[in-house]
Amino acid sequence: MPISLKDLENALKNAIPISHLEIIDQSSGCGESYAVLIVSEAFEGKLTLARHRMINELLKNQIAQMHAFSQRTLTPKQYAAELAKGNV
């Protein structure tokens, strides 16, 4: 069963504090492939692998129903630096 963008958004926002969230349905609307950019203070002090494991655990039921899922996880400070460089 496809996952809706709204369900994915709600699952993330209900689990951790998020200051910025971008969700892109890369499957032309069928809900089987998503790319997300998550900016959260919950990532402070965590390496990228730990951040991704955290998100994978939070979304394990949703990810199990998808064909593909990619994520980019940043702290608010990292996000601000990426914005300043024009990388986001």
PDB file of N, CA and C in Angstrom:
ATOM      1  N   MET A   1       0.846  -1.192   0.000  1.00  0.00           N
ATOM      2  CA  MET A   1       0.000   0.000   0.000  1.00  0.00           C
ATOM      3  C   MET A   1       0.886   1.248   0.000  1.00  0.00           C
ATOM      4  N   PRO A   2       0.646   2.165  -0.911  1.00  0.00           N
ATOM      5  CA  PRO A   2       1.474   3.379  -0.983  1.00  0.00           C
ATOM      6  C   PRO A   2       1.336   4.256   0.270  1.00  0.00           C
ATOM      7  N   ILE A   3       2.391   4.941   0.570  1.00  0.00           N
ATOM      8  CA  ILE A   3       2.425   5.868   1.695  1.00  0.00           C
ATOM      9  C   ILE A   3       2.162   7.271   1.157  1.00  0.00           C
ATOM     10  N   SER A   4       1.271   7.998   1.825  1.00  0.00           N
ATOM     11  CA  SER A   4       0.996   9.369   1.384  1.00  0.00           C
ATOM     12  C   SER A   4       2.041  10.320   1.958  1.00  0.00           C
ATOM     13  N   LEU A   5       2.268  11.390   1.252  1.00  0.00           N
ATOM     14  CA  LEU A   5       3.203  12.408   1.696  1.00  0.00           C
ATOM     15  C   LEU A   5       2.781  12.945   3.061  1.00  0.00           C
ATOM     16  N   LYS A   6       1.500  13.131   3.260  1.00  0.00           N
ATOM     17  CA  LYS A   6       0.983  13.661   4.524  1.00  0.00           C
ATOM     18  C   LYS A   6       1.233  12.694   5.679  1.00  0.00           C
ATOM     19  N   ASP A   7       1.059  11.391   5.435  1.00  0.00           N
ATOM     20  CA  ASP A   7       1.327  10.395   6.476  1.00  0.00           C
ATOM     21  C   ASP A   7       2.799  10.403   6.882  1.00  0.00           C
ATOM     22  N   LEU A   8       3.665  10.524   5.911  1.00  0.00           N
ATOM     23  CA  LEU A   8       5.098  10.586   6.178  1.00  0.00           C
ATOM     24  C   LEU A   8       5.437  11.844   6.975  1.00  0.00           C
ATOM     25  N   GLU A   9       4.880  12.953   6.562  1.00  0.00           N
ATOM     26  CA  GLU A   9       5.098  14.222   7.262  1.00  0.00           C
ATOM     27  C   GLU A   9       4.619  14.134   8.708  1.00  0.00           C
ATOM     28  N   ASN A  10       3.422  13.621   8.916  1.00  0.00           N
ATOM     29  CA  ASN A  10       2.873  13.500  10.271  1.00  0.00           C
ATOM     30  C   ASN A  10       3.709  12.587  11.148  1.00  0.00           C
ATOM     31  N   ALA A  11       4.160  11.470  10.602  1.00  0.00           N
ATOM     32  CA  ALA A  11       4.975  10.533  11.373  1.00  0.00           C
ATOM     33  C   ALA A  11       6.260  11.194  11.853  1.00  0.00           C
ATOM     34  N   LEU A  12       6.889  11.967  10.989  1.00  0.00           N
ATOM     35  CA  LEU A  12       8.131  12.647  11.362  1.00  0.00           C
ATOM     36  C   LEU A  12       7.887  13.768  12.367  1.00  0.00           C
ATOM     37  N   LYS A  13       6.901  14.598  12.093  1.00  0.00           N
ATOM     38  CA  LYS A  13       6.647  15.757  12.961  1.00  0.00           C
ATOM     39  C   LYS A  13       6.146  15.345  14.345  1.00  0.00           C
ATOM     40  N   ASN A  14       5.503  14.191  14.446  1.00  0.00           N
ATOM     41  CA  ASN A  14       5.029  13.705  15.740  1.00  0.00           C
ATOM     42  C   ASN A  14       6.136  13.018  16.540  1.00  0.00           C
ATOM     43  N   ALA A  15       7.248  12.687  15.895  1.00  0.00           N
ATOM     44  CA  ALA A  15       8.303  11.932  16.562  1.00  0.00           C
ATOM     45  C   ALA A  15       9.460  12.795  17.069  1.00  0.00           C
ATOM     46  N   ILE A  16       9.843  13.807  16.300  1.00  0.00           N
ATOM     47  CA  ILE A  16      10.978  14.644  16.684  1.00  0.00           C
ATOM     48  C   ILE A  16      10.676  16.108  16.355  1.00  0.00           C
ATOM     49  N   PRO A  17      11.357  17.033  17.042  1.00  0.00           N
ATOM     50  CA  PRO A  17      11.169  18.451  16.707  1.00  0.00           C
ATOM     51  C   PRO A  17      11.835  18.746  15.358  1.00  0.00           C
ATOM     52  N   ILE A  18      11.079  19.323  14.452  1.00  0.00           N
ATOM     53  CA  ILE A  18      11.586  19.599  13.110  1.00  0.00           C
ATOM     54  C   ILE A  18      11.476  21.083  12.823  1.00  0.00           C
ATOM     55  N   SER A  19      12.607  21.676  12.402  1.00  0.00           N
ATOM     56  CA  SER A  19      12.569  23.092  12.054  1.00  0.00           C
ATOM     57  C   SER A  19      12.386  23.297  10.553  1.00  0.00           C
ATOM     58  N   HIS A  20      12.710  22.273   9.761  1.00  0.00           N
ATOM     59  CA  HIS A  20      12.486  22.343   8.313  1.00  0.00           C
ATOM     60  C   HIS A  20      12.347  20.924   7.787  1.00  0.00           C
ATOM     61  N   LEU A  21      11.385  20.736   6.881  1.00  0.00           N
ATOM     62  CA  LEU A  21      11.145  19.419   6.314  1.00  0.00           C
ATOM     63  C   LEU A  21      10.757  19.553   4.856  1.00  0.00           C
ATOM     64  N   GLU A  22      11.452  18.816   4.010  1.00  0.00           N
ATOM     65  CA  GLU A  22      11.091  18.733   2.599  1.00  0.00           C
ATOM     66  C   GLU A  22      10.907  17.258   2.268  1.00  0.00           C
ATOM     67  N   ILE A  23       9.771  16.949   1.660  1.00  0.00           N
ATOM     68  CA  ILE A  23       9.496  15.574   1.244  1.00  0.00           C
ATOM     69  C   ILE A  23       9.181  15.610  -0.241  1.00  0.00           C
ATOM     70  N   ILE A  24       9.914  14.823  -1.002  1.00  0.00           N
ATOM     71  CA  ILE A  24       9.706  14.771  -2.451  1.00  0.00           C
ATOM     72  C   ILE A  24       9.281  13.363  -2.828  1.00  0.00           C
ATOM     73  N   ASP A  25       8.113  13.269  -3.450  1.00  0.00           N
ATOM     74  CA  ASP A  25       7.646  11.985  -3.970  1.00  0.00           C
ATOM     75  C   ASP A  25       8.330  11.787  -5.312  1.00  0.00           C
ATOM     76  N   GLN A  26       9.267  10.860  -5.361  1.00  0.00           N
ATOM     77  CA  GLN A  26      10.033  10.619  -6.576  1.00  0.00           C
ATOM     78  C   GLN A  26       9.397   9.548  -7.458  1.00  0.00           C
ATOM     79  N   SER A  27       8.185   9.151  -7.109  1.00  0.00           N
ATOM     80  CA  SER A  27       7.515   8.081  -7.856  1.00  0.00           C
ATOM     81  C   SER A  27       6.336   8.607  -8.661  1.00  0.00           C
ATOM     82  N   SER A  28       6.351   9.868  -9.004  1.00  0.00           N
ATOM     83  CA  SER A  28       5.289  10.488  -9.805  1.00  0.00           C
ATOM     84  C   SER A  28       3.919  10.367  -9.163  1.00  0.00           C
ATOM     85  N   GLY A  29       3.885  10.449  -7.846  1.00  0.00           N
ATOM     86  CA  GLY A  29       2.608  10.465  -7.142  1.00  0.00           C
ATOM     87  C   GLY A  29       2.086   9.134  -6.652  1.00  0.00           C
ATOM     88  N   CYS A  30       2.793   8.044  -6.907  1.00  0.00           N
ATOM     89  CA  CYS A  30       2.257   6.748  -6.467  1.00  0.00           C
ATOM     90  C   CYS A  30       2.677   6.391  -5.040  1.00  0.00           C
ATOM     91  N   GLY A  31       3.551   7.177  -4.428  1.00  0.00           N
ATOM     92  CA  GLY A  31       3.898   6.987  -3.025  1.00  0.00           C
ATOM     93  C   GLY A  31       4.815   5.819  -2.722  1.00  0.00           C
ATOM     94  N   GLU A  32       5.637   5.418  -3.681  1.00  0.00           N
ATOM     95  CA  GLU A  32       6.530   4.285  -3.437  1.00  0.00           C
ATOM     96  C   GLU A  32       7.999   4.667  -3.347  1.00  0.00           C
ATOM     97  N   SER A  33       8.313   5.939  -3.576  1.00  0.00           N
ATOM     98  CA  SER A  33       9.695   6.385  -3.512  1.00  0.00           C
ATOM     99  C   SER A  33       9.746   7.832  -3.029  1.00  0.00           C
ATOM    100  N   TYR A  34      10.428   8.040  -1.920  1.00  0.00           N
ATOM    101  CA  TYR A  34      10.514   9.382  -1.343  1.00  0.00           C
ATOM    102  C   TYR A  34      11.957   9.761  -1.040  1.00  0.00           C
ATOM    103  N   ALA A  35      12.223  11.053  -1.147  1.00  0.00           N
ATOM    104  CA  ALA A  35      13.477  11.649  -0.688  1.00  0.00           C
ATOM    105  C   ALA A  35      13.086  12.718   0.324  1.00  0.00           C
ATOM    106  N   VAL A  36      13.763  12.745   1.460  1.00  0.00           N
ATOM    107  CA  VAL A  36      13.432  13.717   2.496  1.00  0.00           C
ATOM    108  C   VAL A  36      14.673  14.489   2.924  1.00  0.00           C
ATOM    109  N   LEU A  37      14.440  15.731   3.270  1.00  0.00           N
ATOM    110  CA  LEU A  37      15.434  16.580   3.921  1.00  0.00           C
ATOM    111  C   LEU A  37      14.829  16.945   5.262  1.00  0.00           C
ATOM    112  N   ILE A  38      15.501  16.555   6.325  1.00  0.00           N
ATOM    113  CA  ILE A  38      14.994  16.796   7.673  1.00  0.00           C
ATOM    114  C   ILE A  38      16.013  17.639   8.422  1.00  0.00           C
ATOM    115  N   VAL A  39      15.551  18.752   8.972  1.00  0.00           N
ATOM    116  CA  VAL A  39      16.401  19.611   9.790  1.00  0.00           C
ATOM    117  C   VAL A  39      15.821  19.583  11.198  1.00  0.00           C
ATOM    118  N   SER A  40      16.643  19.124  12.148  1.00  0.00           N
ATOM    119  CA  SER A  40      16.152  18.982  13.518  1.00  0.00           C
ATOM    120  C   SER A  40      17.280  19.154  14.524  1.00  0.00           C
ATOM    121  N   GLU A  41      16.943  19.755  15.637  1.00  0.00           N
ATOM    122  CA  GLU A  41      17.901  19.869  16.734  1.00  0.00           C
ATOM    123  C   GLU A  41      18.155  18.504  17.373  1.00  0.00           C
ATOM    124  N   ALA A  42      17.285  17.535  17.113  1.00  0.00           N
ATOM    125  CA  ALA A  42      17.475  16.172  17.637  1.00  0.00           C
ATOM    126  C   ALA A  42      18.726  15.518  17.062  1.00  0.00           C
ATOM    127  N   PHE A  43      19.270  16.066  15.976  1.00  0.00           N
ATOM    128  CA  PHE A  43      20.459  15.498  15.344  1.00  0.00           C
ATOM    129  C   PHE A  43      21.767  16.035  15.935  1.00  0.00           C
ATOM    130  N   GLU A  44      21.666  17.026  16.813  1.00  0.00           N
ATOM    131  CA  GLU A  44      22.861  17.618  17.416  1.00  0.00           C
ATOM    132  C   GLU A  44      23.689  16.536  18.101  1.00  0.00           C
ATOM    133  N   GLY A  45      24.995  16.516  17.808  1.00  0.00           N
ATOM    134  CA  GLY A  45      25.905  15.582  18.455  1.00  0.00           C
ATOM    135  C   GLY A  45      25.872  14.165  17.904  1.00  0.00           C
ATOM    136  N   LYS A  46      25.069  13.924  16.869  1.00  0.00           N
ATOM    137  CA  LYS A  46      24.970  12.590  16.280  1.00  0.00           C
ATOM    138  C   LYS A  46      25.644  12.571  14.913  1.00  0.00           C
ATOM    139  N   LEU A  47      26.332  11.475  14.633  1.00  0.00           N
ATOM    140  CA  LEU A  47      26.917  11.289  13.316  1.00  0.00           C
ATOM    141  C   LEU A  47      25.808  10.970  12.314  1.00  0.00           C
ATOM    142  N   THR A  48      26.107  11.117  11.040  1.00  0.00           N
ATOM    143  CA  THR A  48      25.118  10.885   9.986  1.00  0.00           C
ATOM    144  C   THR A  48      24.495   9.496  10.096  1.00  0.00           C
ATOM    145  N   LEU A  49      25.299   8.485  10.342  1.00  0.00           N
ATOM    146  CA  LEU A  49      24.776   7.124  10.444  1.00  0.00           C
ATOM    147  C   LEU A  49      23.761   7.002  11.580  1.00  0.00           C
ATOM    148  N   ALA A  50      24.044   7.599  12.719  1.00  0.00           N
ATOM    149  CA  ALA A  50      23.115   7.555  13.851  1.00  0.00           C
ATOM    150  C   ALA A  50      21.819   8.302  13.524  1.00  0.00           C
ATOM    151  N   ARG A  51      21.930   9.404  12.810  1.00  0.00           N
ATOM    152  CA  ARG A  51      20.742  10.161  12.404  1.00  0.00           C
ATOM    153  C   ARG A  51      19.875   9.316  11.480  1.00  0.00           C
ATOM    154  N   HIS A  52      20.509   8.677  10.503  1.00  0.00           N
ATOM    155  CA  HIS A  52      19.758   7.865   9.546  1.00  0.00           C
ATOM    156  C   HIS A  52      19.126   6.660  10.223  1.00  0.00           C
ATOM    157  N   ARG A  53      19.838   6.055  11.149  1.00  0.00           N
ATOM    158  CA  ARG A  53      19.257   4.937  11.895  1.00  0.00           C
ATOM    159  C   ARG A  53      18.042   5.394  12.700  1.00  0.00           C
ATOM    160  N   MET A  54      18.129   6.595  13.274  1.00  0.00           N
ATOM    161  CA  MET A  54      17.010   7.140  14.039  1.00  0.00           C
ATOM    162  C   MET A  54      15.778   7.301  13.143  1.00  0.00           C
ATOM    163  N   ILE A  55      15.969   7.893  11.985  1.00  0.00           N
ATOM    164  CA  ILE A  55      14.855   8.103  11.060  1.00  0.00           C
ATOM    165  C   ILE A  55      14.332   6.768  10.537  1.00  0.00           C
ATOM    166  N   ASN A  56      15.232   5.855  10.210  1.00  0.00           N
ATOM    167  CA  ASN A  56      14.801   4.535   9.742  1.00  0.00           C
ATOM    168  C   ASN A  56      13.949   3.824  10.790  1.00  0.00           C
ATOM    169  N   GLU A  57      14.319   3.966  12.048  1.00  0.00           N
ATOM    170  CA  GLU A  57      13.543   3.342  13.123  1.00  0.00           C
ATOM    171  C   GLU A  57      12.186   4.025  13.284  1.00  0.00           C
ATOM    172  N   LEU A  58      12.173   5.356  13.220  1.00  0.00           N
ATOM    173  CA  LEU A  58      10.913   6.097  13.349  1.00  0.00           C
ATOM    174  C   LEU A  58       9.932   5.758  12.229  1.00  0.00           C
ATOM    175  N   LEU A  59      10.465   5.510  11.042  1.00  0.00           N
ATOM    176  CA  LEU A  59       9.625   5.275   9.862  1.00  0.00           C
ATOM    177  C   LEU A  59       9.660   3.832   9.371  1.00  0.00           C
ATOM    178  N   LYS A  60      10.023   2.897  10.245  1.00  0.00           N
ATOM    179  CA  LYS A  60      10.225   1.521   9.777  1.00  0.00           C
ATOM    180  C   LYS A  60       8.977   0.932   9.127  1.00  0.00           C
ATOM    181  N   ASN A  61       7.796   1.231   9.626  1.00  0.00           N
ATOM    182  CA  ASN A  61       6.563   0.700   9.024  1.00  0.00           C
ATOM    183  C   ASN A  61       6.308   1.316   7.647  1.00  0.00           C
ATOM    184  N   GLN A  62       6.547   2.614   7.531  1.00  0.00           N
ATOM    185  CA  GLN A  62       6.343   3.295   6.261  1.00  0.00           C
ATOM    186  C   GLN A  62       7.385   2.869   5.227  1.00  0.00           C
ATOM    187  N   ILE A  63       8.644   2.799   5.650  1.00  0.00           N
ATOM    188  CA  ILE A  63       9.719   2.430   4.733  1.00  0.00           C
ATOM    189  C   ILE A  63       9.515   1.011   4.204  1.00  0.00           C
ATOM    190  N   ALA A  64       8.987   0.138   5.032  1.00  0.00           N
ATOM    191  CA  ALA A  64       8.741  -1.248   4.613  1.00  0.00           C
ATOM    192  C   ALA A  64       7.753  -1.331   3.452  1.00  0.00           C
ATOM    193  N   GLN A  65       6.937  -0.294   3.295  1.00  0.00           N
ATOM    194  CA  GLN A  65       5.929  -0.278   2.234  1.00  0.00           C
ATOM    195  C   GLN A  65       6.398   0.473   0.987  1.00  0.00           C
ATOM    196  N   MET A  66       7.620   1.003   1.022  1.00  0.00           N
ATOM    197  CA  MET A  66       8.143   1.781  -0.097  1.00  0.00           C
ATOM    198  C   MET A  66       9.109   0.961  -0.940  1.00  0.00           C
ATOM    199  N   HIS A  67       9.292   1.415  -2.147  1.00  0.00           N
ATOM    200  CA  HIS A  67      10.299   0.825  -3.027  1.00  0.00           C
ATOM    201  C   HIS A  67      11.663   1.458  -2.742  1.00  0.00           C
ATOM    202  N   ALA A  68      11.678   2.772  -2.484  1.00  0.00           N
ATOM    203  CA  ALA A  68      12.940   3.477  -2.234  1.00  0.00           C
ATOM    204  C   ALA A  68      12.717   4.642  -1.268  1.00  0.00           C
ATOM    205  N   PHE A  69      13.735   4.898  -0.444  1.00  0.00           N
ATOM    206  CA  PHE A  69      13.680   5.988   0.525  1.00  0.00           C
ATOM    207  C   PHE A  69      15.089   6.533   0.704  1.00  0.00           C
ATOM    208  N   SER A  70      15.263   7.837   0.496  1.00  0.00           N
ATOM    209  CA  SER A  70      16.559   8.461   0.749  1.00  0.00           C
ATOM    210  C   SER A  70      16.349   9.636   1.695  1.00  0.00           C
ATOM    211  N   GLN A  71      17.363   9.905   2.470  1.00  0.00           N
ATOM    212  CA  GLN A  71      17.232  10.969   3.463  1.00  0.00           C
ATOM    213  C   GLN A  71      18.499  11.784   3.577  1.00  0.00           C
ATOM    214  N   ARG A  72      18.294  13.029   3.915  1.00  0.00           N
ATOM    215  CA  ARG A  72      19.380  13.950   4.234  1.00  0.00           C
ATOM    216  C   ARG A  72      19.000  14.571   5.564  1.00  0.00           C
ATOM    217  N   THR A  73      19.859  14.456   6.551  1.00  0.00           N
ATOM    218  CA  THR A  73      19.557  14.909   7.903  1.00  0.00           C
ATOM    219  C   THR A  73      20.582  15.950   8.330  1.00  0.00           C
ATOM    220  N   LEU A  74      20.090  17.117   8.717  1.00  0.00           N
ATOM    221  CA  LEU A  74      20.966  18.216   9.108  1.00  0.00           C
ATOM    222  C   LEU A  74      20.506  18.834  10.419  1.00  0.00           C
ATOM    223  N   THR A  75      21.449  19.410  11.146  1.00  0.00           N
ATOM    224  CA  THR A  75      21.101  20.227  12.301  1.00  0.00           C
ATOM    225  C   THR A  75      20.711  21.611  11.777  1.00  0.00           C
ATOM    226  N   PRO A  76      20.029  22.419  12.582  1.00  0.00           N
ATOM    227  CA  PRO A  76      19.698  23.771  12.121  1.00  0.00           C
ATOM    228  C   PRO A  76      20.939  24.584  11.720  1.00  0.00           C
ATOM    229  N   LYS A  77      22.027  24.418  12.444  1.00  0.00           N
ATOM    230  CA  LYS A  77      23.263  25.143  12.126  1.00  0.00           C
ATOM    231  C   LYS A  77      23.831  24.668  10.776  1.00  0.00           C
ATOM    232  N   GLN A  78      23.828  23.369  10.539  1.00  0.00           N
ATOM    233  CA  GLN A  78      24.304  22.836   9.262  1.00  0.00           C
ATOM    234  C   GLN A  78      23.419  23.312   8.109  1.00  0.00           C
ATOM    235  N   TYR A  79      22.120  23.334   8.354  1.00  0.00           N
ATOM    236  CA  TYR A  79      21.180  23.778   7.328  1.00  0.00           C
ATOM    237  C   TYR A  79      21.420  25.246   6.961  1.00  0.00           C
ATOM    238  N   ALA A  80      21.636  26.078   7.977  1.00  0.00           N
ATOM    239  CA  ALA A  80      21.912  27.493   7.735  1.00  0.00           C
ATOM    240  C   ALA A  80      23.195  27.653   6.917  1.00  0.00           C
ATOM    241  N   ALA A  81      24.209  26.863   7.220  1.00  0.00           N
ATOM    242  CA  ALA A  81      25.469  26.921   6.475  1.00  0.00           C
ATOM    243  C   ALA A  81      25.255  26.472   5.026  1.00  0.00           C
ATOM    244  N   GLU A  82      24.450  25.438   4.822  1.00  0.00           N
ATOM    245  CA  GLU A  82      24.160  24.965   3.462  1.00  0.00           C
ATOM    246  C   GLU A  82      23.377  26.022   2.675  1.00  0.00           C
ATOM    247  N   LEU A  83      22.444  26.687   3.331  1.00  0.00           N
ATOM    248  CA  LEU A  83      21.690  27.764   2.684  1.00  0.00           C
ATOM    249  C   LEU A  83      22.616  28.890   2.258  1.00  0.00           C
ATOM    250  N   ALA A  84      23.547  29.241   3.139  1.00  0.00           N
ATOM    251  CA  ALA A  84      24.491  30.329   2.842  1.00  0.00           C
ATOM    252  C   ALA A  84      25.372  29.987   1.637  1.00  0.00           C
ATOM    253  N   LYS A  85      25.684  28.712   1.482  1.00  0.00           N
ATOM    254  CA  LYS A  85      26.509  28.258   0.345  1.00  0.00           C
ATOM    255  C   LYS A  85      25.674  28.065  -0.912  1.00  0.00           C
ATOM    256  N   GLY A  86      24.362  28.046  -0.750  1.00  0.00           N
ATOM    257  CA  GLY A  86      23.479  27.804  -1.894  1.00  0.00           C
ATOM    258  C   GLY A  86      23.344  26.332  -2.239  1.00  0.00           C
ATOM    259  N   ASN A  87      23.623  25.459  -1.281  1.00  0.00           N
ATOM    260  CA  ASN A  87      23.582  24.009  -1.518  1.00  0.00           C
ATOM    261  C   ASN A  87      22.223  23.372  -1.246  1.00  0.00           C
ATOM    262  N   VAL A  88      21.278  24.136  -0.789  1.00  0.00           N
ATOM    263  CA  VAL A  88      19.965  23.552  -0.482  1.00  0.00           C
ATOM    264  C   VAL A  88      18.900  24.220  -1.312  1.00  0.00           C
TER     265      VAL A  88
END
